[in-house]
C-alpha atoms as a PDB file:
ATOM      1  CA  UNK A   1      22.919  -1.395   1.022  1.00  0.00           C
ATOM      2  CA  UNK A   2      19.262  -1.231   3.100  1.00  0.00           C
ATOM      3  CA  UNK A   3      15.939   0.452   1.928  1.00  0.00           C
ATOM      4  CA  UNK A   4      13.660   1.663   5.308  1.00  0.00           C
ATOM      5  CA  UNK A   5      10.213   3.411   4.502  1.00  0.00           C
ATOM      6  CA  UNK A   6       9.347   6.552   6.630  1.00  0.00           C
ATOM      7  CA  UNK A   7       6.249   7.464   8.211  1.00  0.00           C
ATOM      8  CA  UNK A   8       6.448  10.329   8.537  1.00  0.00           C
ATOM      9  CA  UNK A   9       4.724  13.111  10.343  1.00  0.00           C
ATOM     10  CA  UNK A  10       4.809  17.084   8.952  1.00  0.00           C
ATOM     11  CA  UNK A  11       3.561  19.492  11.416  1.00  0.00           C
ATOM     12  CA  UNK A  12       4.055  23.556  12.119  1.00  0.00           C
ATOM     13  CA  UNK A  13       3.405  26.076  14.362  1.00  0.00           C
ATOM     14  CA  UNK A  14       2.892  30.050  12.858  1.00  0.00           C
ATOM     15  CA  UNK A  15       2.084  32.981  15.342  1.00  0.00           C
ATOM     16  CA  UNK A  16      -0.843  34.875  12.929  1.00  0.00           C
ATOM     17  CA  UNK A  17      -2.031  37.824  14.879  1.00  0.00           C
ATOM     18  CA  UNK A  18      -2.041  37.529  19.037  1.00  0.00           C
ATOM     19  CA  UNK A  19      -1.813  33.698  18.901  1.00  0.00           C
ATOM     20  CA  UNK A  20      -0.391  30.955  17.184  1.00  0.00           C
ATOM     21  CA  UNK A  21      -1.683  28.247  14.233  1.00  0.00           C
ATOM     22  CA  UNK A  22      -1.057  24.572  14.681  1.00  0.00           C
ATOM     23  CA  UNK A  23      -1.502  22.834  11.239  1.00  0.00           C
ATOM     24  CA  UNK A  24      -0.069  19.802   9.248  1.00  0.00           C
ATOM     25  CA  UNK A  25       0.246  18.062   6.519  1.00  0.00           C
ATOM     26  CA  UNK A  26      -1.702  14.371   6.503  1.00  0.00           C
ATOM     27  CA  UNK A  27       0.032  13.414   3.205  1.00  0.00           C
ATOM     28  CA  UNK A  28       4.258  12.376   3.736  1.00  0.00           C
ATOM     29  CA  UNK A  29       5.793   9.579   2.561  1.00  0.00           C
ATOM     30  CA  UNK A  30       9.896   9.283   2.692  1.00  0.00           C
ATOM     31  CA  UNK A  31      12.381   6.570   2.015  1.00  0.00           C
ATOM     32  CA  UNK A  32      15.766   6.370   3.233  1.00  0.00           C
ATOM     33  CA  UNK A  33      18.111   4.320   2.125  1.00  0.00           C
ATOM     34  CA  UNK A  34      21.820   3.768   3.780  1.00  0.00           C
ATOM     35  CA  UNK A  35      24.852   1.346   3.531  1.00  0.00           C
ATOM     36  CA  UNK A  36      25.377  -0.954   6.345  1.00  0.00           C
ATOM     37  CA  UNK A  37      27.695   0.489   9.513  1.00  0.00           C
ATOM     38  CA  UNK A  38      27.489   3.825   7.663  1.00  0.00           C
ATOM     39  CA  UNK A  39      24.772   6.726   8.673  1.00  0.00           C
ATOM     40  CA  UNK A  40      27.560   8.825   6.721  1.00  0.00           C
ATOM     41  CA  UNK A  41      26.387   6.491   3.549  1.00  0.00           C
ATOM     42  CA  UNK A  42      22.458   7.509   4.226  1.00  0.00           C
ATOM     43  CA  UNK A  43      19.899   9.333   1.333  1.00  0.00           C
ATOM     44  CA  UNK A  44      16.699  10.779   2.952  1.00  0.00           C
ATOM     45  CA  UNK A  45      13.905  12.116   1.124  1.00  0.00           C
ATOM     46  CA  UNK A  46      10.696  13.468   1.866  1.00  0.00           C
ATOM     47  CA  UNK A  47       7.613  14.302   0.081  1.00  0.00           C
ATOM     48  CA  UNK A  48       4.277  16.114   0.761  1.00  0.00           C
ATOM     49  CA  UNK A  49       1.497  16.476  -0.861  1.00  0.00           C
ATOM     50  CA  UNK A  50       0.833  20.476  -0.645  1.00  0.00           C
ATOM     51  CA  UNK A  51      -3.461  20.171  -0.561  1.00  0.00           C
ATOM     52  CA  UNK A  52      -2.726  17.898   2.857  1.00  0.00           C
ATOM     53  CA  UNK A  53      -2.022  20.484   4.591  1.00  0.00           C
ATOM     54  CA  UNK A  54      -4.929  20.552   7.901  1.00  0.00           C
ATOM     55  CA  UNK A  55      -5.319  23.263  10.706  1.00  0.00           C
ATOM     56  CA  UNK A  56      -9.197  22.461  11.806  1.00  0.00           C
ATOM     57  CA  UNK A  57     -10.502  25.554   9.727  1.00  0.00           C
ATOM     58  CA  UNK A  58     -11.734  24.317   6.432  1.00  0.00           C
ATOM     59  CA  UNK A  59     -11.772  28.271   5.283  1.00  0.00           C
ATOM     60  CA  UNK A  60      -7.902  28.575   6.065  1.00  0.00           C
ATOM     61  CA  UNK A  61      -7.570  25.687   5.271  1.00  0.00           C
ATOM     62  CA  UNK A  62      -8.270  26.841   1.724  1.00  0.00           C
ATOM     63  CA  UNK A  63      -6.767  29.878   1.742  1.00  0.00           C
ATOM     64  CA  UNK A  64      -3.571  28.431   2.450  1.00  0.00           C
ATOM     65  CA  UNK A  65      -3.572  26.417  -0.135  1.00  0.00           C
ATOM     66  CA  UNK A  66      -5.079  27.991  -2.808  1.00  0.00           C
ATOM     67  CA  UNK A  67      -3.036  31.653  -1.147  1.00  0.00           C
ATOM     68  CA  UNK A  68       0.276  30.393   0.417  1.00  0.00           C
ATOM     69  CA  UNK A  69       1.082  27.237  -0.713  1.00  0.00           C
ATOM     70  CA  UNK A  70      -0.141  27.203  -5.010  1.00  0.00           C
ATOM     71  CA  UNK A  71      -0.837  23.149  -4.295  1.00  0.00           C
ATOM     72  CA  UNK A  72      -2.620  23.612  -7.906  1.00  0.00           C
ATOM     73  CA  UNK A  73       0.838  24.682  -9.608  1.00  0.00           C
ATOM     74  CA  UNK A  74       2.844  22.804  -6.700  1.00  0.00           C
ATOM     75  CA  UNK A  75       1.100  19.893  -5.334  1.00  0.00           C
ATOM     76  CA  UNK A  76       4.002  18.435  -3.682  1.00  0.00           C
ATOM     77  CA  UNK A  77       6.937  19.625  -2.066  1.00  0.00           C
ATOM     78  CA  UNK A  78       9.839  17.948  -1.759  1.00  0.00           C
ATOM     79  CA  UNK A  79      13.336  18.030   0.634  1.00  0.00           C
ATOM     80  CA  UNK A  80      16.422  15.707  -0.741  1.00  0.00           C
ATOM     81  CA  UNK A  81      19.265  14.987   1.391  1.00  0.00           C
ATOM     82  CA  UNK A  82      22.784  16.001   0.132  1.00  0.00           C
ATOM     83  CA  UNK A  83      24.797  14.483   3.492  1.00  0.00           C
ATOM     84  CA  UNK A  84      24.110  13.212   6.632  1.00  0.00           C
ATOM     85  CA  UNK A  85      26.226  13.314   9.400  1.00  0.00           C
ATOM     86  CA  UNK A  86      26.518  12.041  12.766  1.00  0.00           C
ATOM     87  CA  UNK A  87      26.696  14.987  15.672  1.00  0.00           C
ATOM     88  CA  UNK A  88      26.930  12.685  18.774  1.00  0.00           C
ATOM     89  CA  UNK A  89      25.321   9.159  19.962  1.00  0.00           C
ATOM     90  CA  UNK A  90      21.756   9.422  19.204  1.00  0.00           C
ATOM     91  CA  UNK A  91      21.653  12.825  16.743  1.00  0.00           C
ATOM     92  CA  UNK A  92      22.059  13.117  13.017  1.00  0.00           C
ATOM     93  CA  UNK A  93      22.560  16.135  11.152  1.00  0.00           C
ATOM     94  CA  UNK A  94      20.797  15.996   7.644  1.00  0.00           C
ATOM     95  CA  UNK A  95      21.716  18.195   5.191  1.00  0.00           C
ATOM     96  CA  UNK A  96      19.786  19.298   1.834  1.00  0.00           C
ATOM     97  CA  UNK A  97      16.998  20.600  -0.657  1.00  0.00           C
ATOM     98  CA  UNK A  98      13.639  21.792   0.003  1.00  0.00           C
ATOM     99  CA  UNK A  99      11.681  22.618  -2.355  1.00  0.00           C
ATOM    100  CA  UNK A 100       8.120  23.931  -1.809  1.00  0.00           C
ATOM    101  CA  UNK A 101       6.347  26.340  -4.021  1.00  0.00           C
ATOM    102  CA  UNK A 102       8.903  25.241  -7.041  1.00  0.00           C
ATOM    103  CA  UNK A 103      11.731  27.366  -5.103  1.00  0.00           C
ATOM    104  CA  UNK A 104      14.957  25.251  -3.436  1.00  0.00           C
ATOM    105  CA  UNK A 105      16.867  26.080  -1.043  1.00  0.00           C
ATOM    106  CA  UNK A 106      19.420  24.423   1.229  1.00  0.00           C
ATOM    107  CA  UNK A 107      19.054  23.930   4.175  1.00  0.00           C
ATOM    108  CA  UNK A 108      20.498  21.569   7.874  1.00  0.00           C
ATOM    109  CA  UNK A 109      18.365  20.347  10.585  1.00  0.00           C
ATOM    110  CA  UNK A 110      18.805  17.328  13.362  1.00  0.00           C
ATOM    111  CA  UNK A 111      16.889  14.960  14.588  1.00  0.00           C
ATOM    112  CA  UNK A 112      17.710  13.318  17.466  1.00  0.00           C
ATOM    113  CA  UNK A 113      16.827   9.164  17.940  1.00  0.00           C
ATOM    114  CA  UNK A 114      14.983   8.819  20.245  1.00  0.00           C
ATOM    115  CA  UNK A 115      14.110   5.278  20.602  1.00  0.00           C
ATOM    116  CA  UNK A 116      15.036   2.572  18.343  1.00  0.00           C
ATOM    117  CA  UNK A 117      13.747   3.564  15.018  1.00  0.00           C
ATOM    118  CA  UNK A 118      11.951   6.766  15.307  1.00  0.00           C
ATOM    119  CA  UNK A 119      14.150  10.391  15.465  1.00  0.00           C
ATOM    120  CA  UNK A 120      11.754  13.355  15.518  1.00  0.00           C
ATOM    121  CA  UNK A 121      12.915  17.234  15.046  1.00  0.00           C
ATOM    122  CA  UNK A 122      12.385  20.667  15.231  1.00  0.00           C
ATOM    123  CA  UNK A 123      13.969  23.492  12.870  1.00  0.00           C
ATOM    124  CA  UNK A 124      12.521  27.921  12.167  1.00  0.00           C
ATOM    125  CA  UNK A 125      11.988  28.564   8.109  1.00  0.00           C
ATOM    126  CA  UNK A 126      11.403  31.677   7.019  1.00  0.00           C
ATOM    127  CA  UNK A 127       8.746  31.286   4.404  1.00  0.00           C
ATOM    128  CA  UNK A 128       9.387  34.158   2.299  1.00  0.00           C
ATOM    129  CA  UNK A 129      12.688  32.329   0.768  1.00  0.00           C
ATOM    130  CA  UNK A 130      10.578  29.470  -0.612  1.00  0.00           C
ATOM    131  CA  UNK A 131       7.909  32.254  -1.850  1.00  0.00           C
ATOM    132  CA  UNK A 132       4.894  31.453   1.068  1.00  0.00           C
ATOM    133  CA  UNK A 133       3.174  34.630   1.153  1.00  0.00           C
ATOM    134  CA  UNK A 134       0.091  35.813  -0.108  1.00  0.00           C
ATOM    135  CA  UNK A 135      -0.475  39.341  -0.057  1.00  0.00           C
ATOM    136  CA  UNK A 136       2.692  41.423  -0.616  1.00  0.00           C
ATOM    137  CA  UNK A 137       0.958  44.639   0.973  1.00  0.00           C
ATOM    138  CA  UNK A 138      -1.409  42.830   3.290  1.00  0.00           C
ATOM    139  CA  UNK A 139       1.186  40.685   4.960  1.00  0.00           C
ATOM    140  CA  UNK A 140       2.369  43.735   7.172  1.00  0.00           C
ATOM    141  CA  UNK A 141       6.275  43.089   8.134  1.00  0.00           C
ATOM    142  CA  UNK A 142       5.215  39.383   9.428  1.00  0.00           C
ATOM    143  CA  UNK A 143       2.238  40.853  12.035  1.00  0.00           C
ATOM    144  CA  UNK A 144      -0.971  39.425  11.278  1.00  0.00           C
ATOM    145  CA  UNK A 145       0.968  35.978   9.536  1.00  0.00           C
ATOM    146  CA  UNK A 146       4.797  35.594  11.451  1.00  0.00           C
ATOM    147  CA  UNK A 147       7.517  35.130   8.678  1.00  0.00           C
ATOM    148  CA  UNK A 148       9.261  32.504  10.789  1.00  0.00           C
ATOM    149  CA  UNK A 149       7.562  29.009  10.480  1.00  0.00           C
ATOM    150  CA  UNK A 150       8.145  26.113  13.080  1.00  0.00           C
ATOM    151  CA  UNK A 151       8.431  23.006  11.830  1.00  0.00           C
ATOM    152  CA  UNK A 152       8.373  19.361  13.712  1.00  0.00           C
ATOM    153  CA  UNK A 153       9.041  16.341  12.092  1.00  0.00           C
ATOM    154  CA  UNK A 154       8.711  12.276  13.566  1.00  0.00           C
ATOM    155  CA  UNK A 155       9.769   9.741  11.810  1.00  0.00           C
ATOM    156  CA  UNK A 156       9.019   5.947  12.359  1.00  0.00           C
ATOM    157  CA  UNK A 157      11.602   4.222  10.518  1.00  0.00           C
ATOM    158  CA  UNK A 158      10.416   0.765   8.600  1.00  0.00           C
ATOM    159  CA  UNK A 159      12.774  -1.602   6.995  1.00  0.00           C
ATOM    160  CA  UNK A 160      11.690  -2.506   3.240  1.00  0.00           C
ATOM    161  CA  UNK A 161      14.508  -5.246   2.713  1.00  0.00           C
ATOM    162  CA  UNK A 162      16.142  -7.551   4.124  1.00  0.00           C
ATOM    163  CA  UNK A 163      19.663  -7.231   5.158  1.00  0.00           C
ATOM    164  CA  UNK A 164      21.846  -5.906   8.520  1.00  0.00           C
ATOM    165  CA  UNK A 165      20.239  -2.742   9.283  1.00  0.00           C
ATOM    166  CA  UNK A 166      23.162   0.051   9.595  1.00  0.00           C
ATOM    167  CA  UNK A 167      24.142   1.730  13.076  1.00  0.00           C
ATOM    168  CA  UNK A 168      21.933   3.981  14.655  1.00  0.00           C
ATOM    169  CA  UNK A 169      19.254   2.124  13.605  1.00  0.00           C
ATOM    170  CA  UNK A 170      20.015  -1.563  15.385  1.00  0.00           C
ATOM    171  CA  UNK A 171      15.791  -2.519  15.940  1.00  0.00           C
ATOM    172  CA  UNK A 172      15.581  -5.992  14.158  1.00  0.00           C
ATOM    173  CA  UNK A 173      13.790  -6.017  10.761  1.00  0.00           C
ATOM    174  CA  UNK A 174       9.539  -4.902  11.450  1.00  0.00           C
END
């Protein structure tokens, strides 16, 4: 069994009014466990701190933490994989459960291996599926802040323990 630490950047963008708001979560941690030569045995876990959301606007960030993410009551968001499958030589489909605001929902996304130990992926989530809303009456059918949120994940994998490196993760241990 090989264990890895995931250095992950979790970003997002959402339409607000006539523009887009872009942001990220500053505190993201993760791990990967995989048996040698078999990516289908991979187990991935990611955790992000809800209060680490940043959009470069303090007032908006405070509002997002308090009203959208309820960070005081739900300080962590998590993703735990249930299955990883190889789509082709450089793409892996990761299926699992994403929990935000205490709401756990199944989801899948693709990660493309862009370098030996680097992966990138994008997906779109409907924030209502995780109750990421602040005032149902003021939401205005998603006109002020869109329901669809584009999420971008960039991950660098670093081996935690020695041993052979699994297929799809061919670089030498760091």
